Protein backbone atom coordinates (compact mmCIF):
# COMPACT_ATOMS: atom_id res chain seq x y z
CA MET A 1 3.48 -19.47 -25.51
CA ASN A 2 2.10 -22.65 -23.92
CA ARG A 3 1.45 -22.99 -20.20
CA PHE A 4 3.39 -26.18 -19.79
CA GLY A 5 6.86 -25.04 -20.87
CA LYS A 6 9.99 -26.93 -21.80
CA PHE A 7 11.94 -28.87 -19.26
CA MET A 8 15.44 -27.84 -18.28
CA SER A 9 17.93 -28.98 -20.89
CA ALA A 10 20.12 -30.56 -18.26
CA LEU A 11 18.86 -32.47 -15.25
CA SER A 12 21.10 -33.61 -12.44
CA LEU A 13 21.28 -37.37 -11.97
CA GLY A 14 18.58 -38.51 -9.58
CA ALA A 15 16.80 -35.14 -9.64
CA MET A 16 13.61 -35.31 -7.64
CA LEU A 17 11.70 -32.51 -9.30
CA LEU A 18 11.31 -31.58 -12.92
CA VAL A 19 11.77 -27.84 -13.48
CA PRO A 20 10.06 -26.36 -16.54
CA MET A 21 11.35 -23.58 -18.75
CA LEU A 22 9.10 -21.56 -21.00
CA ALA A 23 9.01 -22.91 -24.54
CA SER A 24 8.85 -20.79 -27.63
CA ALA A 25 6.45 -21.82 -30.34
CA SER A 26 5.87 -20.72 -33.86
CA ALA A 27 2.53 -19.32 -34.90
CA GLU A 28 1.77 -22.61 -36.64
CA GLU A 29 2.47 -24.61 -33.46
CA ALA A 30 0.62 -22.33 -31.06
CA PRO A 31 -2.41 -23.90 -29.37
CA ALA A 32 -5.84 -22.33 -29.88
CA ALA A 33 -5.84 -21.10 -26.30
CA GLN A 34 -3.13 -18.60 -25.36
CA VAL A 35 -1.77 -18.10 -21.84
CA GLN A 36 -0.21 -14.92 -20.47
CA PRO A 37 1.12 -14.06 -16.98
CA GLY A 38 -1.26 -12.21 -14.69
CA GLY A 39 1.39 -9.55 -14.06
CA SER A 40 0.39 -6.39 -12.23
CA ALA A 41 -3.28 -7.40 -12.43
CA VAL A 42 -2.61 -9.76 -9.50
CA LYS A 43 -1.80 -8.24 -6.12
CA THR A 44 -1.49 -9.77 -2.70
CA ASP A 45 -3.13 -8.15 0.31
CA GLY A 46 0.34 -7.53 1.68
CA GLN A 47 1.31 -5.53 -1.42
CA THR A 48 -1.92 -3.51 -1.39
CA ALA A 49 -1.75 -2.77 2.35
CA ALA A 50 1.85 -1.59 1.94
CA GLU A 51 1.12 0.56 -1.13
CA LEU A 52 -1.76 2.30 0.67
CA GLY A 53 0.31 2.86 3.81
CA LEU A 54 -1.95 0.71 5.98
CA LEU A 55 0.99 -1.51 6.90
CA ILE A 56 4.50 -0.14 7.32
CA GLY A 57 6.32 -3.35 8.19
CA ASP A 58 9.61 -3.54 10.02
CA GLY A 59 13.19 -2.84 8.88
CA GLY A 60 12.64 -4.95 5.75
CA GLY A 61 9.26 -3.45 4.96
CA VAL A 62 6.17 -5.58 4.39
CA SER A 63 8.20 -8.65 3.50
CA ALA A 64 7.22 -12.32 3.52
CA GLU A 65 9.08 -12.66 6.81
CA TYR A 66 7.16 -9.76 8.32
CA LEU A 67 3.81 -11.13 7.11
CA SER A 68 4.52 -14.52 8.68
CA LYS A 69 5.03 -13.03 12.15
CA GLY A 70 2.31 -13.02 14.78
CA THR A 71 0.46 -9.74 15.36
CA THR A 72 0.66 -8.35 18.90
CA ARG A 73 -1.94 -6.21 20.64
CA ILE A 74 0.26 -3.11 20.60
CA GLN A 75 0.96 -3.60 16.90
CA ALA A 76 -2.76 -3.95 16.11
CA ALA A 77 -3.52 -0.90 18.25
CA ILE A 78 -0.99 1.20 16.31
CA ILE A 79 -2.53 0.13 13.01
CA SER A 80 -6.05 0.95 14.22
CA LEU A 81 -4.91 4.40 15.38
CA ARG A 82 -3.38 4.97 11.94
CA LEU A 83 -6.74 4.12 10.36
CA GLN A 84 -8.49 6.61 12.60
CA GLY A 85 -5.93 9.33 11.90
CA LYS A 86 -4.87 9.44 15.55
CA LEU A 87 -1.42 7.88 15.43
CA ASP A 88 0.54 11.16 15.35
CA ALA A 89 -1.40 12.42 18.36
CA ALA A 90 -0.77 9.16 20.20
CA GLN A 91 2.96 9.14 19.48
CA THR A 92 3.36 12.67 20.87
CA TYR A 93 0.98 12.26 23.80
CA ALA A 94 2.39 13.71 27.02
CA GLY A 95 -0.04 12.21 29.55
CA THR A 96 1.55 10.12 32.27
CA ASP A 97 -1.43 8.02 33.39
CA ASN A 98 -0.85 4.62 31.82
CA PHE A 99 -1.47 0.90 31.95
CA ALA A 100 0.38 -0.98 34.69
CA ASP A 101 2.29 -3.10 32.15
CA ALA A 102 3.16 -0.27 29.72
CA ASN A 103 6.87 -0.96 30.24
CA LEU A 104 6.46 -4.21 28.25
CA ALA A 105 5.76 -2.21 25.10
CA GLY A 106 9.12 -0.40 24.95
CA THR A 107 9.93 3.27 25.39
CA THR A 108 8.66 4.51 22.02
CA ASN A 109 5.29 2.83 22.43
CA ARG A 110 4.54 3.95 25.99
CA PRO A 111 3.02 7.29 24.90
CA ILE A 112 0.72 5.33 22.57
CA LEU A 113 -0.48 3.16 25.46
CA ALA A 114 -0.99 6.24 27.61
CA TYR A 115 -3.07 7.77 24.81
CA LEU A 116 -5.21 4.62 24.56
CA HIS A 117 -5.56 4.56 28.34
CA GLY A 118 -6.94 8.07 28.27
CA ASN A 119 -9.09 7.54 25.15
CA PRO A 120 -10.97 4.25 25.48
CA GLN A 121 -13.36 5.36 22.70
CA TYR A 122 -10.75 4.21 20.19
CA GLY A 123 -11.47 0.60 21.09
CA TRP A 124 -8.55 -0.42 23.29
CA MET A 125 -9.57 -0.55 26.94
CA GLY A 126 -7.10 -3.10 28.23
CA GLU A 127 -7.74 -6.55 29.63
CA GLY A 128 -8.61 -5.85 33.27
CA ALA A 129 -6.56 -4.99 36.34
CA ASN A 130 -5.32 -1.92 34.44
CA ARG A 131 -3.23 -4.11 32.16
CA PHE A 132 -2.99 -3.85 28.36
CA ASN A 133 -0.94 -7.00 27.73
CA PRO A 134 0.80 -5.35 24.74
CA LEU A 135 2.76 -8.40 23.52
CA ALA A 136 -0.18 -10.82 23.58
CA PRO A 137 -1.56 -12.16 20.28
CA VAL A 138 -4.69 -10.68 18.74
CA SER A 139 -7.73 -12.72 17.72
CA SER A 140 -9.95 -12.06 14.72
CA GLN A 141 -12.78 -11.21 17.11
CA GLN A 142 -10.68 -8.51 18.78
CA LEU A 143 -9.53 -7.05 15.47
CA TYR A 144 -13.00 -7.04 13.92
CA LYS A 145 -14.35 -5.24 17.02
CA VAL A 146 -11.84 -2.43 16.49
CA LEU A 147 -12.46 -2.31 12.73
CA LEU A 148 -16.21 -2.10 13.31
CA GLU A 149 -15.66 0.79 15.70
CA THR A 150 -13.48 2.46 13.06
CA LEU A 151 -16.46 2.12 10.72
CA GLY A 152 -18.61 3.92 13.29
CA TYR A 153 -20.35 0.95 14.93
CA ARG A 154 -20.16 0.80 18.72
CA SER A 155 -19.57 -2.26 20.85
CA ASN A 156 -22.36 -2.81 23.43
CA THR A 157 -24.57 -0.43 21.43
CA ASP A 158 -24.72 -1.67 17.84
CA PHE A 159 -23.42 -5.15 18.62
CA ALA A 160 -22.49 -7.30 21.61
CA TYR A 161 -18.86 -8.34 21.84
CA LYS A 162 -19.79 -12.04 21.75
CA ASP A 163 -21.57 -11.38 18.42
CA THR A 164 -18.70 -9.40 16.92
CA GLU A 165 -17.85 -11.77 14.09
CA SER A 166 -21.43 -12.43 13.00
CA PHE A 167 -22.12 -8.66 12.98
CA ALA A 168 -18.87 -8.07 11.10
CA SER A 169 -19.86 -10.68 8.50
CA GLY A 170 -23.00 -8.71 7.81
CA LYS A 171 -20.81 -5.70 7.06
CA GLY A 172 -18.57 -7.62 4.65
CA LEU A 173 -15.81 -8.51 7.14
CA ALA A 174 -15.35 -12.27 7.29
CA LEU A 175 -12.14 -13.39 5.56
CA ILE A 176 -10.16 -14.04 8.75
CA ALA A 177 -13.08 -14.95 11.03
CA GLY A 178 -12.42 -17.66 13.59
CA THR A 179 -8.66 -17.10 13.80
CA PRO A 180 -7.50 -17.23 17.44
CA ALA A 181 -4.05 -15.68 16.89
CA LEU A 182 -3.47 -13.43 13.88
CA THR A 183 -0.34 -13.08 11.79
CA ASN A 184 0.53 -9.90 9.93
CA ALA A 185 -0.74 -11.65 6.81
CA HIS A 186 -4.16 -11.96 8.43
CA MET A 187 -3.91 -8.28 9.35
CA ALA A 188 -3.18 -7.33 5.74
CA THR A 189 -6.20 -9.30 4.48
CA ALA A 190 -8.53 -7.79 7.09
CA LEU A 191 -7.34 -4.26 6.33
CA VAL A 192 -7.78 -4.60 2.56
CA GLU A 193 -11.14 -6.29 3.07
CA SER A 194 -12.34 -3.46 5.32
CA LEU A 195 -11.70 -0.78 2.67
CA SER A 196 -14.85 -1.78 0.77
CA ALA A 197 -17.02 -1.99 3.90
CA SER A 198 -19.60 0.73 4.48
CA THR A 199 -19.26 2.99 7.48
CA ALA A 200 -22.21 3.83 9.73
CA MET A 201 -22.48 7.09 7.76
CA GLY A 202 -23.07 5.21 4.49
CA HIS A 203 -19.83 5.66 2.56
CA SER A 204 -16.93 3.23 2.24
CA LEU A 205 -14.03 3.14 4.65
CA PHE A 206 -11.74 3.81 1.69
CA ASP A 207 -13.55 7.08 0.94
CA MET A 208 -13.45 8.08 4.60
CA LEU A 209 -9.71 7.39 4.85
CA GLN A 210 -9.07 9.45 1.73
CA GLU A 211 -11.13 12.35 3.06
CA GLU A 212 -9.17 12.29 6.31
CA GLY A 213 -5.81 12.09 4.52
CA VAL A 214 -4.92 8.66 5.86
CA ILE A 215 -4.80 7.33 2.29
CA SER A 216 -3.42 9.38 -0.59
CA ALA A 217 -6.00 11.23 -2.68
CA SER A 218 -4.52 9.65 -5.82
CA ALA A 219 -4.90 6.08 -4.51
CA LYS A 220 -7.48 3.74 -6.01
CA LEU A 221 -9.72 1.26 -4.20
CA PRO A 222 -8.47 -2.26 -4.97
CA ALA A 223 -10.52 -3.57 -7.88
CA GLY A 224 -11.11 -6.94 -9.43
CA GLU A 225 -12.05 -10.34 -8.05
CA ARG A 226 -11.16 -11.37 -4.52
CA ILE A 227 -9.60 -14.84 -4.16
CA SER A 228 -9.96 -16.31 -0.69
CA LEU A 229 -8.93 -19.54 0.99
CA ARG A 230 -11.73 -21.41 2.73
CA GLN A 231 -11.74 -24.50 4.93
CA ASP A 232 -13.91 -27.59 4.63
CA ALA A 233 -13.94 -30.51 7.05
CA LYS A 234 -13.60 -33.05 4.22
CA LEU A 235 -11.81 -31.12 1.49
CA GLY A 236 -9.38 -29.10 3.58
CA THR A 237 -8.24 -25.75 2.13
CA TYR A 238 -9.65 -24.66 -1.21
CA LEU A 239 -9.97 -21.50 -3.34
CA ALA A 240 -13.14 -19.41 -3.46
CA ASP A 241 -14.14 -16.15 -5.09
CA GLY A 242 -15.02 -12.93 -3.29
CA HIS A 243 -18.53 -14.18 -2.53
CA GLY A 244 -17.24 -17.39 -0.96
CA ARG A 245 -18.20 -19.52 -3.96
CA THR A 246 -15.99 -22.56 -4.54
CA LEU A 247 -13.62 -22.53 -7.51
CA TYR A 248 -12.97 -25.73 -9.48
CA PHE A 249 -10.47 -27.47 -11.79
CA PHE A 250 -11.54 -29.52 -14.85
CA SER A 251 -9.50 -32.66 -15.65
CA ASN A 252 -10.03 -32.33 -19.41
CA ASP A 253 -8.15 -29.01 -19.34
CA ALA A 254 -4.89 -30.92 -18.84
CA ASN A 255 -5.11 -31.92 -22.51
CA ASN A 256 -7.03 -28.99 -24.01
CA LEU A 257 -7.57 -25.57 -22.44
CA ASP A 258 -10.62 -25.09 -24.68
CA ALA A 259 -12.24 -28.32 -23.42
CA CYS A 260 -15.15 -26.59 -21.65
CA GLN A 261 -17.49 -25.05 -24.25
CA ASP A 262 -21.15 -24.14 -24.74
CA GLN A 263 -23.36 -25.96 -22.19
CA CYS A 264 -20.28 -26.81 -20.14
CA VAL A 265 -19.60 -23.10 -19.62
CA ALA A 266 -23.28 -22.52 -18.82
CA ASN A 267 -23.01 -25.04 -15.97
CA TRP A 268 -19.45 -24.15 -15.01
CA PRO A 269 -19.01 -20.36 -15.48
CA LEU A 270 -15.46 -19.14 -16.12
CA LEU A 271 -13.71 -17.01 -13.50
CA SER A 272 -13.23 -13.79 -15.46
CA ALA A 273 -12.14 -10.43 -14.02
CA ASP A 274 -9.86 -7.54 -14.89
CA ALA A 275 -7.73 -8.08 -11.78
CA LEU A 276 -7.29 -10.36 -8.76
CA GLN A 277 -6.71 -9.58 -5.09
CA ILE A 278 -5.18 -12.58 -3.35
CA PRO A 279 -4.17 -13.51 0.23
CA PRO A 280 -0.57 -12.75 1.26
CA GLY A 281 0.41 -16.41 1.50
CA MET A 282 -0.36 -17.08 -2.15
CA ASN A 283 2.09 -16.53 -5.01
CA ALA A 284 0.93 -14.01 -7.63
CA ALA A 285 3.01 -15.84 -10.26
CA ASP A 286 0.74 -18.89 -9.90
CA PHE A 287 -2.12 -16.91 -11.49
CA THR A 288 -2.18 -16.58 -15.26
CA VAL A 289 -4.80 -15.68 -17.88
CA VAL A 290 -5.90 -17.93 -20.73
CA THR A 291 -7.51 -16.39 -23.80
CA HIS A 292 -9.70 -19.07 -25.36
CA ALA A 293 -10.16 -19.64 -29.07
CA ASN A 294 -13.46 -17.72 -28.88
CA GLY A 295 -11.71 -14.70 -27.35
CA LYS A 296 -13.01 -15.16 -23.80
CA LYS A 297 -10.51 -14.72 -20.99
CA GLN A 298 -10.28 -16.86 -17.87
CA TRP A 299 -8.06 -16.89 -14.81
CA MET A 300 -5.91 -19.94 -14.17
CA TYR A 301 -4.18 -21.19 -11.02
CA LYS A 302 -1.04 -23.32 -11.33
CA GLY A 303 -1.92 -23.98 -14.96
CA TRP A 304 -5.54 -25.00 -14.32
CA PRO A 305 -8.42 -22.77 -15.53
CA LEU A 306 -10.78 -21.74 -12.71
CA TYR A 307 -14.54 -22.30 -12.79
CA LEU A 308 -17.61 -21.81 -10.62
CA PHE A 309 -20.47 -24.33 -10.41
CA ILE A 310 -24.00 -23.18 -11.14
CA LYS A 311 -25.50 -25.48 -8.47
CA ASP A 312 -23.44 -23.97 -5.64
CA ALA A 313 -26.12 -21.69 -4.17
CA LYS A 314 -24.33 -20.24 -1.15
CA PRO A 315 -20.84 -19.64 0.24
CA GLY A 316 -19.25 -22.89 1.34
CA ASP A 317 -21.19 -25.11 -1.07
CA THR A 318 -18.95 -27.68 -2.78
CA LEU A 319 -21.56 -29.55 -4.84
CA GLY A 320 -19.23 -29.64 -7.84
CA GLU A 321 -16.60 -31.72 -6.07
CA GLY A 322 -15.96 -35.00 -7.90
CA VAL A 323 -18.73 -34.48 -10.48
CA GLY A 324 -18.18 -36.90 -13.36
CA GLY A 325 -14.81 -37.81 -11.88
CA VAL A 326 -13.37 -34.73 -13.65
CA TRP A 327 -14.38 -31.68 -11.56
CA PHE A 328 -12.45 -30.93 -8.38
CA ALA A 329 -12.23 -28.04 -5.94
CA ALA A 330 -9.24 -25.83 -6.76
CA LYS A 331 -6.75 -26.36 -3.95
CA PRO A 332 -3.31 -24.89 -3.27
CA ASP A 333 -1.74 -28.12 -2.00
CA TYR A 334 -2.51 -30.92 -4.46
CA ARG A 335 0.33 -33.41 -4.70
CA VAL A 336 -1.30 -34.97 -7.79
CA MET A 337 -4.23 -34.19 -10.04
CA ILE A 338 -6.22 -36.12 -12.64
CA GLY A 339 -5.92 -35.37 -16.35
CA LYS A 340 -8.18 -36.84 -19.00
CA ASN A 341 -8.33 -37.18 -22.77
CA ALA A 342 -10.22 -39.30 -25.27
CA GLU A 343 -7.29 -41.59 -26.07
CA LEU A 344 -5.88 -42.29 -22.60
CA GLY A 345 -8.91 -41.78 -20.40
CA SER A 346 -8.05 -40.59 -16.88
CA TYR A 347 -4.41 -40.43 -15.80
CA LEU A 348 -2.33 -38.96 -13.00
CA THR A 349 -0.58 -35.62 -13.38
CA ASP A 350 1.40 -33.43 -11.03
CA SER A 351 -0.23 -30.39 -9.43
CA GLN A 352 0.24 -28.36 -12.64
CA GLY A 353 -1.13 -30.94 -15.04
CA ARG A 354 2.15 -32.52 -16.18
CA THR A 355 1.77 -36.20 -17.07
CA LEU A 356 3.15 -38.81 -14.67
CA TYR A 357 4.28 -42.32 -15.66
CA TYR A 358 5.17 -45.68 -14.16
CA PHE A 359 8.00 -47.99 -15.29
CA ASP A 360 6.86 -51.57 -15.87
CA LYS A 361 10.23 -52.95 -14.72
CA ASP A 362 9.88 -51.46 -11.22
CA THR A 363 8.81 -53.54 -8.25
CA PRO A 364 7.03 -52.29 -5.10
CA GLN A 365 9.08 -49.73 -3.17
CA LYS A 366 11.97 -50.02 -5.64
CA SER A 367 12.99 -48.02 -8.72
CA VAL A 368 15.34 -49.69 -11.21
CA CYS A 369 15.51 -46.55 -13.39
CA THR A 370 18.98 -45.05 -12.88
CA GLU A 371 21.66 -43.10 -14.74
CA SER A 372 20.65 -42.47 -18.39
CA CYS A 373 17.16 -43.82 -17.72
CA LEU A 374 16.68 -41.29 -14.93
CA ALA A 375 17.97 -38.48 -17.15
CA ASN A 376 15.18 -39.23 -19.64
CA TRP A 377 12.55 -40.12 -17.06
CA PRO A 378 13.14 -37.75 -14.12
CA ALA A 379 11.82 -38.90 -10.79
CA TYR A 380 8.76 -37.07 -9.52
CA GLY A 381 9.48 -36.16 -5.94
CA THR A 382 6.87 -34.50 -3.76
CA GLY A 383 6.04 -34.23 -0.11
CA ALA A 384 2.72 -34.19 1.65
CA GLY A 385 -0.34 -32.78 -0.02
CA SER A 386 -3.94 -33.50 -0.84
CA VAL A 387 -5.30 -35.65 -3.66
CA PRO A 388 -8.57 -35.44 -5.62
CA SER A 389 -11.50 -36.73 -3.58
CA THR A 390 -12.11 -39.65 -5.97
CA LEU A 391 -8.70 -41.08 -5.06
CA ASN A 392 -7.51 -42.78 -1.88
CA ALA A 393 -4.86 -40.67 -0.15
CA ALA A 394 -3.41 -43.82 1.42
CA ASP A 395 -2.39 -45.03 -2.07
CA PHE A 396 0.12 -42.18 -2.33
CA GLY A 397 3.46 -42.11 -0.61
CA THR A 398 7.17 -42.17 -1.34
CA ILE A 399 9.93 -44.67 -1.91
CA THR A 400 13.59 -44.28 -1.04
CA ARG A 401 15.86 -44.37 -4.09
CA PRO A 402 19.28 -46.09 -4.05
CA ASP A 403 20.98 -42.73 -3.41
CA GLY A 404 18.75 -42.07 -0.39
CA SER A 405 16.55 -39.45 -2.08
CA LYS A 406 12.77 -39.66 -2.03
CA GLN A 407 10.49 -40.31 -4.98
CA ALA A 408 6.69 -40.05 -5.12
CA ALA A 409 4.88 -43.36 -5.47
CA TYR A 410 1.38 -44.64 -6.21
CA LYS A 411 0.36 -47.93 -4.61
CA GLY A 412 4.04 -48.42 -3.82
CA TYR A 413 5.31 -47.85 -7.39
CA ALA A 414 7.56 -44.93 -8.36
CA LEU A 415 6.23 -42.03 -10.46
CA TYR A 416 8.20 -40.28 -13.23
CA TYR A 417 8.06 -37.48 -15.80
CA PHE A 418 9.18 -37.85 -19.44
CA ILE A 419 11.79 -35.42 -20.75
CA LYS A 420 10.14 -35.21 -24.18
CA ASP A 421 6.82 -33.92 -22.84
CA VAL A 422 7.33 -30.23 -23.64
CA LYS A 423 3.89 -28.68 -23.92
CA GLN A 424 0.45 -28.73 -22.40
CA GLY A 425 -1.30 -32.08 -22.69
CA ASP A 426 1.77 -34.02 -23.83
CA ALA A 427 1.77 -37.70 -22.96
CA THR A 428 4.43 -38.77 -25.46
CA GLY A 429 5.90 -41.24 -22.98
CA GLN A 430 2.88 -43.53 -23.26
CA ASN A 431 3.94 -47.07 -24.27
CA VAL A 432 7.55 -46.09 -24.98
CA ASN A 433 9.45 -49.37 -25.47
CA GLN A 434 6.31 -51.07 -24.14
CA VAL A 435 7.48 -50.41 -20.56
CA TRP A 436 6.43 -46.80 -19.86
CA PHE A 437 2.80 -45.96 -19.27
CA VAL A 438 0.54 -43.28 -17.85
CA VAL A 439 -1.15 -44.17 -14.56
CA ASP A 440 -4.90 -44.73 -14.80
CA PRO A 441 -5.84 -44.65 -11.11
CA ALA A 442 -8.96 -46.76 -11.68
CA LYS A 443 -7.05 -49.57 -13.41
CA PHE A 444 -3.48 -49.53 -12.10
CA SER A 445 -2.69 -52.38 -9.70
CA GLY A 446 1.04 -52.79 -10.23
CA THR A 447 3.71 -53.60 -12.80
CA SER A 448 4.54 -56.78 -14.67
CA ALA A 449 7.83 -56.96 -12.77
CA GLY A 450 5.96 -56.53 -9.51
CA ALA A 451 3.61 -59.37 -10.34
CA ALA A 452 6.53 -61.62 -11.31
CA ALA A 453 8.29 -60.85 -8.04
CA ALA A 454 5.18 -61.47 -5.93
CA PRO A 455 5.58 -63.85 -2.97
CA ALA A 456 4.41 -67.42 -2.82
CA PRO A 457 0.78 -68.21 -3.67
CA SER A 458 -0.34 -67.80 -0.04
CA ALA A 459 0.97 -64.26 -0.09
CA GLN A 460 -0.62 -63.50 -3.47
CA ASN A 461 -4.03 -64.21 -1.98
CA GLY A 462 -3.50 -61.79 0.87
CA LYS A 463 -5.26 -58.49 1.32
CA THR A 464 -3.89 -54.99 1.74
CA TYR A 465 -4.29 -53.26 5.11
CA HIS A 466 -3.47 -49.69 6.08
CA ILE A 467 -2.03 -48.45 9.35
CA ASP A 468 -2.46 -44.69 9.66
CA ILE A 469 0.06 -43.03 11.94
CA LYS A 470 -1.79 -40.13 13.55
CA ASP A 471 -1.40 -38.18 16.78
CA TYR A 472 1.66 -40.24 17.79
CA SER A 473 -0.28 -43.50 17.56
CA PHE A 474 -0.54 -46.56 15.31
CA GLY A 475 -4.26 -46.76 16.08
CA SER A 476 -6.23 -48.56 18.77
CA GLY A 477 -5.67 -52.25 19.37
CA PRO A 478 -3.78 -54.87 17.37
CA LEU A 479 -4.32 -55.40 13.63
CA THR A 480 -5.29 -58.95 12.62
CA VAL A 481 -4.43 -59.99 9.03
CA GLU A 482 -4.17 -63.11 6.89
CA ALA A 483 -0.80 -64.63 6.01
CA GLY A 484 0.55 -63.03 2.85
CA SER A 485 -1.14 -59.71 3.53
CA THR A 486 0.35 -56.37 2.62
CA ILE A 487 0.44 -53.67 5.31
CA VAL A 488 0.97 -50.04 4.34
CA PHE A 489 2.12 -47.61 7.04
CA THR A 490 1.29 -43.94 6.27
CA ASN A 491 2.45 -41.06 8.46
CA TYR A 492 -0.08 -38.22 8.90
CA ASP A 493 1.82 -36.41 11.68
CA ASP A 494 4.17 -33.46 11.18
CA MET A 495 6.74 -35.38 13.25
CA LYS A 496 8.68 -38.20 11.56
CA HIS A 497 7.83 -41.79 12.61
CA ASN A 498 8.77 -45.33 11.59
CA ALA A 499 7.74 -48.90 12.37
CA VAL A 500 10.32 -51.39 13.67
CA ALA A 501 9.51 -55.01 14.58
CA VAL A 502 10.75 -56.16 17.98
CA ASP A 503 11.93 -59.45 16.46
CA GLY A 504 13.63 -57.74 13.50
CA SER A 505 11.09 -58.94 10.93
CA PHE A 506 10.84 -55.45 9.48
CA SER A 507 12.36 -52.04 10.02
CA GLY A 508 10.96 -49.06 8.19
CA PRO A 509 12.69 -45.75 7.42
CA LEU A 510 11.65 -42.56 9.19
CA LEU A 511 8.59 -41.30 7.34
CA ALA A 512 7.88 -37.61 6.87
CA LYS A 513 4.27 -36.46 6.71
CA GLY A 514 2.51 -38.14 3.78
CA GLU A 515 5.19 -40.81 3.23
CA THR A 516 4.49 -44.55 3.29
CA PHE A 517 6.29 -47.82 4.07
CA THR A 518 4.97 -51.21 2.90
CA ILE A 519 5.60 -54.69 4.30
CA GLN A 520 4.31 -58.19 3.53
CA LEU A 521 3.95 -60.78 6.28
CA ASP A 522 3.76 -64.42 5.12
CA LYS A 523 4.44 -66.26 8.37
CA PRO A 524 1.66 -66.60 10.98
CA GLY A 525 2.50 -65.17 14.37
CA THR A 526 2.38 -62.05 16.52
CA TYR A 527 4.55 -59.11 15.48
CA ASP A 528 5.09 -56.42 18.09
CA TYR A 529 6.56 -53.20 16.76
CA TYR A 530 7.37 -49.64 17.82
CA CYS A 531 8.36 -46.21 16.53
CA GLN A 532 12.07 -45.88 17.21
CA PRO A 533 12.11 -42.15 18.13
CA HIS A 534 9.07 -42.62 20.42
CA LYS A 535 9.44 -46.27 21.49
CA SER A 536 8.59 -45.60 25.14
CA PHE A 537 4.92 -44.93 24.32
CA MET A 538 4.31 -45.51 20.61
CA THR A 539 3.84 -49.24 20.00
CA GLY A 540 1.64 -51.54 17.96
CA GLN A 541 0.93 -55.17 17.21
CA ILE A 542 0.10 -57.16 14.06
CA ILE A 543 -1.39 -60.65 14.41
CA VAL A 544 -0.92 -62.84 11.31
CA LYS A 545 -3.20 -65.87 11.00
C-alpha cells in the first residue's frame, strides 16, 4: 500500500482540503518501499501514564480534554504522593492542623493538604504565610524539584532550588524544562520521562515503583525511541530524538522513498527503532514505518521519512537545516514542503508531500477555476504554519474565493491539487492542457494571465514591499514606495486584522494569522490607513512617489 493514498471519489464543490483515501495496489504496481502504520508500537505519554496508573484523569479518564487542562498544585501534589506510595495514607489522614487556605482545595482534598502540612519531607511545604495555594499553576521547576526528591535527592542538600532544572537535566529530566505553567500533557511527559531516571540508590524509578507496588509487577518500562518537540529561535518547533538530536526531512523522498542510499545514509542515518514514545499533543497515526527495498526499516512522520545528521554533535544542533536545498528540520506545522525529482526539479507540496499546482489562467488574488475545474483541481486550503527555511514566509498567504472560502496562495496565486495524483510522487498534473504546472519556488513569478493583466508600464516597473502585521502594529513609521509598487500585508498576530485606506483607495478583508492581502498603488500621494477592528490605535501610512 502506498503512503500517498487515493483521493476521495467525490469532492464537494469548492472544497478547501483534499482528503486522501488509502489506495490498493497490485503486487506489480507496488513501489519498492512499503509503508505500514505504526500501530501499537507508537504510544503517547498520556497513554503510557494512564496504562501505568500514574495519571488517573477526571470523569472522562486521561482524555485529550484532560491533557489540555492546566495542572494545579494540589493535583501535582496528589500525583507525587501516588508516586511515593503515600496517597492512601494522605487521603485517610485524620490530623486537623492544616494550611490556612485548605478550604480552596475542596472537602475531599483537605486531608491530603493536612498530611502534606504535617509531612514536609514529601516536598510540598507551601508558599509562605501558612498557605498552600492549591489551585495555582505548577511550573516545571516546581515539578522537577518534587520528582528529584522522589528519586531520593534532597533540595538544599543535593541541589539548590534555583539550580533545580540544571540538576534535573543531569539526571535525565529535561523534556518540559522552562515551562512556567504546566498542563496535564506536560505532567504526563515528565512522569514517563522520570521512569528511566536513576534514583539516589542506583536503580531506576520504574524498578522502585514496581517494588513498592505503585506500578503493577507485570508492567513493562516504556521501550523504543523517544520523540520530543524542541524549540529554536529561528526554526520554531521541530522534532528531535530521545537524545535531543534534530530529525530531518529529505525533499527527494516526495518522489522516491528509497532516494537516500549508501553514502547518503552514512551522512543522514535513518531513524530506526522497535517502538516510539511521543508527546501527548502529537497524533500516533502520523507515524508510520517504511520498509526500504534493502529491507531496512525507518520511521516516517506525516509521510516523510525521518533522518539524523552526522554533523549534529550535540542536542539542539540544526546544522542539517537547508543543506543542498533539500534537507529540512522535521516540523509538526509545515504549511508547505519542497519535493524534488530529476524531471521537475524542486516543487511545492503540501505538508505530506502531495504535489501542488498553479493555474496559468489565474491572476493575483483571484482564482478562475470553478465548478468542473474545481472538481478536478481541488483548492488547497491551509491556515498558518511554517515553511522551509529556504523559502520566504511572506510569499505564502491566502486568497478569498468567489464563494467566500479561503484558498492557499503563493506570491498571490492560488494553489491546487490534481484529482488524478493517486500515489506517492505523482505529478501527473504537470503541463495538463499547457495551463497547469507545478510550482518551482525558485522560478515562479506569476502566471501568463497575471502578466497580461499587469497595470500600466509605470506599475510594471514597481517593486514589491511587505508590511508585517505584528503585535497589533503595521510597523514603525510610514512606508515610502515608488508608483506602481505592490504592497503585501501579512498578519502574524493570532487576532484578525485588515488594512483600510482612509480615502477608500483600498479595503482589505480581515486576515487570520498567516493570511495576506495585496494592493498596487499607481498614483503618487499619501495613503493613510487603519485596521477596522482596532482603528483607534492601529494605523499606518504609505507614501507613493
